[in-house]
Amino acid sequence: MRQDFRLSIITAFGACAILAVSPFGVMHFLRGNLLISAIDAAIVLGIVGPTVYAWRGGNLELAALCIAVTNTLGCLLIVAVLGPTGLFWLFPTLLANAFLVPPHIATFAALLAIASVQFHPTAFASGAQQASVTATLLLVALFAYIFAKRADLQRQMLVELATQDALTGASNRRALEDELAIAINTFRRNGRPIALVMLDLDHFKRVNDRFGHEEGDRVLREFVRLMRASTRATDRLFRFGGEEFVLLMEHTDELRANHALAQVLDRLRGALQASDGSPITVSAGAAVLSHGEDRSQWLARADAALYQAKQGGRDRAIVAAAPQSGL
């Protein structure tokens, strides 16, 4: 959870559902309030279910959205049954949604919930109370939006500073370490193939020696631009060091890795050039993660495949064969 902010938030709300909502469900059940108890149980299941789904490698944005919808609908049901007592649950619901989903979605859900309770005949004891509660709910929604928007912007800035290579704009080695851990854990949960590709610009030292380091920096930036234009939005590129890069490709087995890398290298040929027009080629070595493999073994297989590509004449991609079981 330290490596994935959204997963940590989802997990926290899953724990809150068990620790904060479940006791009320038990209390209402013991008192014979079966309808309220059933609603509490549905809320708990509606939060814990997406939390388990997220931990099993599911889409985190979808899981968070499901929890936010459960929060909002469950709260409105509580208000519908309990009246004024249920209004108190609207306040933590508005705040919770601001952390779970993008600010514009949280704000829409907040306004929809506030508008809905206006039509409940017994939710408010008087017009003055209705105006007071509505005003405070709107203020909470406004402050939650401002805080969530600001916090999200600051978190993105900090993440970029900590995980982005300043020269090329690719993710850096620190980000790679985090992503490798996430990829391995996700693979152990769902078994979906993921490929790690090591890429190296051939004879890059000659570029620096002949044209200077400023030209070498330009070539590296151009390489990253071309890679982003040649790969999927879900593929993630990292600068491993010097002129060596790592590409993580989700849902990619050996066959797809071979096909994708052939297309990438074909696009790079001719497009990646030094200032005098001389072509700069790229070699690649890939390995698809295997069961029982750790990050060091995974990287080592990709690095060995890259070495084979270099030894085989460069400007080519080699995909490592899956390791034999027991080795």
Protein backbone atom coordinates (compact mmCIF):
# COMPACT_ATOMS: atom_id res chain seq x y z
CA MET A 1 0.00 0.00 0.00
CA ARG A 2 2.96 2.34 0.50
CA GLN A 3 3.61 2.05 -3.22
CA ASP A 4 0.06 2.70 -4.44
CA PHE A 5 -1.82 5.71 -3.04
CA ARG A 6 -5.22 4.81 -4.49
CA LEU A 7 -5.04 1.23 -3.24
CA SER A 8 -4.21 2.48 0.26
CA ILE A 9 -7.27 4.77 0.22
CA ILE A 10 -9.55 1.97 -0.99
CA THR A 11 -8.17 -0.35 1.68
CA ALA A 12 -8.72 2.27 4.38
CA PHE A 13 -12.38 2.60 3.42
CA GLY A 14 -12.77 -1.16 3.35
CA ALA A 15 -11.51 -1.25 6.94
CA CYS A 16 -13.81 1.63 7.89
CA ALA A 17 -16.81 -0.25 6.47
CA ILE A 18 -16.04 -3.23 8.69
CA LEU A 19 -15.11 -1.30 11.83
CA ALA A 20 -17.53 1.65 11.64
CA VAL A 21 -20.64 0.44 9.80
CA SER A 22 -20.81 -3.22 10.83
CA PRO A 23 -21.44 -2.49 14.56
CA PHE A 24 -24.47 -0.38 13.63
CA GLY A 25 -25.80 -3.21 11.48
CA VAL A 26 -25.44 -5.65 14.37
CA MET A 27 -27.06 -3.19 16.79
CA HIS A 28 -30.05 -2.59 14.50
CA PHE A 29 -30.43 -6.33 13.97
CA LEU A 30 -30.48 -7.01 17.70
CA ARG A 31 -33.07 -4.28 18.15
CA GLY A 32 -35.27 -5.79 15.48
CA ASN A 33 -34.70 -3.04 12.91
CA LEU A 34 -34.20 -5.53 10.10
CA LEU A 35 -34.55 -3.02 7.24
CA ILE A 36 -31.82 -0.74 8.62
CA SER A 37 -29.67 -3.77 9.40
CA ALA A 38 -30.06 -5.00 5.82
CA ILE A 39 -29.08 -1.58 4.46
CA ASP A 40 -25.99 -1.53 6.69
CA ALA A 41 -25.06 -5.01 5.48
CA ALA A 42 -25.50 -3.94 1.85
CA ILE A 43 -23.26 -0.91 2.45
CA VAL A 44 -20.55 -3.07 4.02
CA LEU A 45 -20.69 -5.56 1.14
CA GLY A 46 -20.76 -2.72 -1.38
CA ILE A 47 -17.50 -1.37 0.05
CA VAL A 48 -15.67 -4.57 0.99
CA GLY A 49 -16.46 -6.21 -2.37
CA PRO A 50 -14.67 -3.55 -4.48
CA THR A 51 -11.84 -3.51 -1.93
CA VAL A 52 -11.24 -7.24 -2.43
CA TYR A 53 -11.56 -6.73 -6.19
CA ALA A 54 -8.87 -4.03 -6.04
CA TRP A 55 -6.53 -6.25 -4.03
CA ARG A 56 -6.97 -9.03 -6.58
CA GLY A 57 -5.55 -6.77 -9.27
CA GLY A 58 -8.76 -5.19 -10.52
CA ASN A 59 -9.18 -1.70 -11.91
CA LEU A 60 -8.58 0.68 -9.00
CA GLU A 61 -10.57 3.56 -10.51
CA LEU A 62 -13.59 1.28 -10.98
CA ALA A 63 -13.29 -0.06 -7.43
CA ALA A 64 -13.13 3.47 -6.01
CA LEU A 65 -16.13 4.55 -8.08
CA CYS A 66 -18.17 1.56 -6.84
CA ILE A 67 -17.35 2.46 -3.24
CA ALA A 68 -18.34 6.10 -3.82
CA VAL A 69 -21.65 5.04 -5.37
CA THR A 70 -22.28 2.69 -2.44
CA ASN A 71 -21.48 5.50 0.01
CA THR A 72 -23.90 7.90 -1.65
CA LEU A 73 -26.82 5.53 -2.29
CA GLY A 74 -26.44 3.87 1.12
CA CYS A 75 -26.49 7.23 2.86
CA LEU A 76 -29.62 8.32 0.97
CA LEU A 77 -31.34 5.08 1.94
CA ILE A 78 -30.44 5.68 5.59
CA VAL A 79 -31.90 9.19 5.38
CA ALA A 80 -35.05 7.82 3.73
CA VAL A 81 -35.60 5.34 6.57
CA LEU A 82 -34.26 7.21 9.62
CA GLY A 83 -35.02 10.79 8.58
CA PRO A 84 -33.05 13.49 10.49
CA THR A 85 -30.78 10.94 12.19
CA GLY A 86 -29.54 9.71 8.83
CA LEU A 87 -28.47 13.22 7.78
CA PHE A 88 -25.37 12.97 9.97
CA TRP A 89 -23.99 10.27 7.67
CA LEU A 90 -24.02 12.68 4.74
CA PHE A 91 -21.08 14.65 6.13
CA PRO A 92 -18.51 11.80 6.22
CA THR A 93 -19.90 10.53 2.93
CA LEU A 94 -19.17 13.80 1.14
CA LEU A 95 -15.64 13.86 2.55
CA ALA A 96 -15.00 10.19 1.79
CA ASN A 97 -16.03 10.54 -1.84
CA ALA A 98 -13.64 13.46 -2.29
CA PHE A 99 -10.71 11.12 -1.53
CA LEU A 100 -11.99 8.20 -3.57
CA VAL A 101 -12.93 9.62 -6.94
CA PRO A 102 -11.88 12.63 -9.06
CA PRO A 103 -13.12 15.96 -7.63
CA HIS A 104 -15.68 16.59 -10.37
CA ILE A 105 -17.33 13.20 -9.79
CA ALA A 106 -17.28 13.68 -6.01
CA THR A 107 -18.86 17.12 -6.42
CA PHE A 108 -21.59 15.79 -8.73
CA ALA A 109 -22.40 13.02 -6.22
CA ALA A 110 -22.46 15.56 -3.37
CA LEU A 111 -24.86 17.92 -5.18
CA LEU A 112 -27.08 15.01 -6.20
CA ALA A 113 -27.23 13.74 -2.60
CA ILE A 114 -27.94 17.21 -1.16
CA ALA A 115 -30.66 17.83 -3.74
CA SER A 116 -32.25 14.42 -3.07
CA VAL A 117 -32.70 14.93 0.66
CA GLN A 118 -34.57 18.19 0.02
CA PHE A 119 -37.57 16.16 -1.14
CA HIS A 120 -37.70 13.90 1.92
CA PRO A 121 -40.85 14.85 3.88
CA THR A 122 -39.46 14.11 7.36
CA ALA A 123 -35.73 14.72 6.93
CA PHE A 124 -35.92 18.19 8.46
CA ALA A 125 -37.81 19.33 11.54
CA SER A 126 -38.33 22.84 10.20
CA GLY A 127 -37.53 25.15 7.33
CA ALA A 128 -34.82 26.81 9.38
CA GLN A 129 -33.14 23.47 10.07
CA GLN A 130 -33.38 22.55 6.39
CA ALA A 131 -31.67 25.78 5.37
CA SER A 132 -28.98 25.37 8.03
CA VAL A 133 -28.21 21.73 7.24
CA THR A 134 -28.28 22.33 3.49
CA ALA A 135 -25.90 25.30 3.81
CA THR A 136 -23.45 23.29 5.92
CA LEU A 137 -23.60 20.35 3.53
CA LEU A 138 -22.86 22.65 0.61
CA LEU A 139 -19.93 24.18 2.48
CA VAL A 140 -18.56 20.73 3.30
CA ALA A 141 -18.88 19.75 -0.37
CA LEU A 142 -17.13 22.97 -1.43
CA PHE A 143 -14.27 22.59 1.05
CA ALA A 144 -13.92 18.89 0.17
CA TYR A 145 -13.67 19.79 -3.52
CA ILE A 146 -11.07 22.52 -2.93
CA PHE A 147 -9.00 20.35 -0.62
CA ALA A 148 -9.20 17.26 -2.85
CA LYS A 149 -8.34 19.25 -5.98
CA ARG A 150 -5.40 20.96 -4.30
CA ALA A 151 -4.15 17.76 -2.67
CA ASP A 152 -4.37 15.90 -5.98
CA LEU A 153 -2.37 18.60 -7.80
CA GLN A 154 0.29 18.66 -5.10
CA ARG A 155 0.51 14.88 -5.02
CA GLN A 156 0.96 14.79 -8.80
CA MET A 157 3.72 17.42 -8.61
CA LEU A 158 5.53 15.54 -5.86
CA VAL A 159 5.20 12.25 -7.72
CA GLU A 160 6.62 13.81 -10.89
CA LEU A 161 9.54 15.35 -9.02
CA ALA A 162 10.34 12.09 -7.28
CA THR A 163 9.77 9.69 -10.17
CA GLN A 164 10.55 11.55 -13.40
CA ASP A 165 13.88 11.76 -15.17
CA ALA A 166 14.64 15.48 -15.50
CA LEU A 167 16.40 15.17 -18.87
CA THR A 168 14.07 12.96 -20.90
CA GLY A 169 10.74 13.16 -19.08
CA ALA A 170 10.61 9.36 -18.81
CA SER A 171 10.04 7.80 -15.42
CA ASN A 172 13.23 7.28 -13.44
CA ARG A 173 14.82 4.26 -11.79
CA ARG A 174 13.12 4.92 -8.46
CA ALA A 175 9.73 4.75 -10.17
CA LEU A 176 10.82 1.55 -11.90
CA GLU A 177 11.55 -0.14 -8.58
CA ASP A 178 8.04 0.69 -7.34
CA GLU A 179 6.41 -0.40 -10.59
CA LEU A 180 8.32 -3.69 -10.64
CA ALA A 181 7.07 -4.51 -7.15
CA ILE A 182 3.48 -3.65 -8.14
CA ALA A 183 3.76 -5.65 -11.38
CA ILE A 184 5.09 -8.75 -9.61
CA ASN A 185 2.42 -8.60 -6.91
CA THR A 186 -0.32 -8.09 -9.50
CA PHE A 187 0.99 -11.01 -11.57
CA ARG A 188 0.94 -13.25 -8.50
CA ARG A 189 -2.70 -12.34 -7.92
CA ASN A 190 -4.13 -12.58 -11.43
CA GLY A 191 -1.48 -14.34 -13.56
CA ARG A 192 -1.84 -11.93 -16.49
CA PRO A 193 1.36 -11.80 -18.57
CA ILE A 194 3.59 -8.75 -18.33
CA ALA A 195 6.78 -8.16 -20.28
CA LEU A 196 9.88 -6.24 -19.24
CA VAL A 197 11.94 -4.84 -22.12
CA MET A 198 15.44 -3.43 -21.81
CA LEU A 199 16.38 -1.04 -24.62
CA ASP A 200 19.82 0.35 -25.41
CA LEU A 201 20.81 2.93 -28.02
CA ASP A 202 23.52 1.36 -30.16
CA HIS A 203 26.95 3.03 -30.20
CA PHE A 204 25.57 6.00 -28.29
CA LYS A 205 29.02 6.94 -27.01
CA ARG A 206 29.96 7.84 -30.57
CA VAL A 207 27.19 10.46 -30.62
CA ASN A 208 28.57 12.13 -27.50
CA ASP A 209 32.16 11.90 -28.73
CA ARG A 210 31.39 13.24 -32.20
CA PHE A 211 28.69 15.84 -31.58
CA GLY A 212 28.95 16.59 -27.85
CA HIS A 213 26.78 15.80 -24.85
CA GLU A 214 24.17 18.41 -25.75
CA GLU A 215 23.42 16.53 -28.95
CA GLY A 216 23.42 13.28 -27.00
CA ASP A 217 20.80 14.75 -24.65
CA ARG A 218 18.67 15.78 -27.62
CA VAL A 219 18.84 12.26 -29.05
CA LEU A 220 17.74 10.77 -25.72
CA ARG A 221 14.77 13.13 -25.55
CA GLU A 222 13.84 12.32 -29.14
CA PHE A 223 14.09 8.60 -28.38
CA VAL A 224 11.63 8.95 -25.49
CA ARG A 225 9.24 10.96 -27.69
CA LEU A 226 9.35 8.30 -30.42
CA MET A 227 8.88 5.49 -27.90
CA ARG A 228 5.78 7.13 -26.46
CA ALA A 229 4.39 7.58 -29.95
CA SER A 230 5.15 3.94 -30.83
CA THR A 231 3.80 2.16 -27.72
CA ARG A 232 0.44 1.82 -26.01
CA ALA A 233 -0.81 4.27 -23.41
CA THR A 234 -0.61 1.48 -20.81
CA ASP A 235 3.06 0.76 -21.55
CA ARG A 236 5.45 2.55 -19.17
CA LEU A 237 8.92 3.75 -20.10
CA PHE A 238 11.73 4.27 -17.57
CA ARG A 239 15.26 5.57 -17.89
CA PHE A 240 17.42 2.86 -16.36
CA GLY A 241 20.70 4.71 -16.70
CA GLY A 242 22.68 6.51 -19.40
CA GLU A 243 21.29 5.43 -22.77
CA GLU A 244 19.53 2.35 -21.36
CA PHE A 245 15.77 2.28 -20.84
CA VAL A 246 13.18 -0.17 -19.52
CA LEU A 247 9.68 -0.66 -20.93
CA LEU A 248 6.93 -2.44 -18.97
CA MET A 249 4.19 -3.91 -21.15
CA GLU A 250 1.06 -5.24 -19.45
CA HIS A 251 -1.01 -8.10 -20.93
CA THR A 252 1.94 -9.04 -23.13
CA ASP A 253 3.21 -12.58 -23.61
CA GLU A 254 6.24 -13.70 -25.63
CA LEU A 255 4.38 -13.69 -28.96
CA ARG A 256 2.92 -10.23 -28.46
CA ALA A 257 6.24 -8.89 -27.19
CA ASN A 258 7.98 -10.11 -30.36
CA HIS A 259 5.36 -8.51 -32.56
CA ALA A 260 5.26 -5.21 -30.63
CA LEU A 261 9.04 -4.81 -30.48
CA ALA A 262 9.40 -5.53 -34.19
CA GLN A 263 6.99 -2.67 -34.87
CA VAL A 264 8.72 -0.33 -32.41
CA LEU A 265 12.22 -0.93 -33.79
CA ASP A 266 10.92 -0.58 -37.33
CA ARG A 267 9.49 2.84 -36.46
CA LEU A 268 12.70 3.93 -34.77
CA ARG A 269 14.81 3.08 -37.82
CA GLY A 270 15.34 6.24 -39.78
CA ALA A 271 13.27 8.33 -37.38
CA LEU A 272 15.98 8.43 -34.72
CA GLN A 273 18.95 10.32 -36.12
CA ALA A 274 21.93 12.40 -35.10
CA SER A 275 22.16 16.03 -36.19
CA ASP A 276 24.01 15.07 -39.38
CA GLY A 277 21.25 12.67 -40.41
CA SER A 278 23.11 9.49 -39.51
CA PRO A 279 20.71 6.84 -38.14
CA ILE A 280 20.81 5.68 -34.55
CA THR A 281 19.56 2.15 -33.98
CA VAL A 282 18.25 0.48 -30.85
CA SER A 283 18.68 -3.02 -29.46
CA ALA A 284 16.10 -4.64 -27.16
CA GLY A 285 15.89 -7.64 -24.86
CA ALA A 286 12.60 -8.75 -23.31
CA ALA A 287 11.45 -11.23 -20.71
CA VAL A 288 7.89 -12.14 -19.72
CA LEU A 289 7.52 -12.56 -15.97
CA SER A 290 7.34 -16.20 -14.82
CA HIS A 291 5.84 -17.69 -11.67
CA GLY A 292 8.25 -17.70 -8.75
CA GLU A 293 10.50 -15.11 -10.37
CA ASP A 294 11.68 -12.05 -8.42
CA ARG A 295 12.70 -8.65 -9.79
CA SER A 296 16.40 -9.52 -9.98
CA GLN A 297 15.78 -12.70 -11.96
CA TRP A 298 13.30 -10.94 -14.24
CA LEU A 299 15.72 -8.09 -14.96
CA ALA A 300 18.59 -10.54 -15.46
CA ARG A 301 16.70 -12.50 -18.13
CA ALA A 302 15.80 -9.30 -19.99
CA ASP A 303 19.40 -8.08 -19.70
CA ALA A 304 20.70 -11.41 -21.04
CA ALA A 305 18.30 -11.12 -23.99
CA LEU A 306 19.58 -7.59 -24.63
CA TYR A 307 23.14 -8.91 -24.60
CA GLN A 308 22.15 -11.52 -27.19
CA ALA A 309 20.66 -8.77 -29.37
CA LYS A 310 23.90 -6.79 -29.10
CA GLN A 311 26.02 -9.85 -29.89
CA GLY A 312 23.76 -10.73 -32.80
CA GLY A 313 24.49 -7.49 -34.62
CA ARG A 314 22.41 -4.89 -32.81
CA ASP A 315 19.27 -3.16 -34.17
CA ARG A 316 17.15 -6.15 -33.21
CA ALA A 317 14.97 -7.50 -30.40
CA ILE A 318 15.36 -10.80 -28.57
CA VAL A 319 12.61 -12.17 -26.32
CA ALA A 320 13.90 -14.57 -23.68
CA ALA A 321 12.37 -18.01 -23.50
CA ALA A 322 10.42 -18.83 -20.37
CA PRO A 323 12.64 -20.45 -17.71
CA GLN A 324 12.19 -24.17 -17.25
CA SER A 325 10.34 -25.17 -14.11
CA GLY A 326 12.58 -26.18 -11.26
CA LEU A 327 15.43 -23.91 -12.40
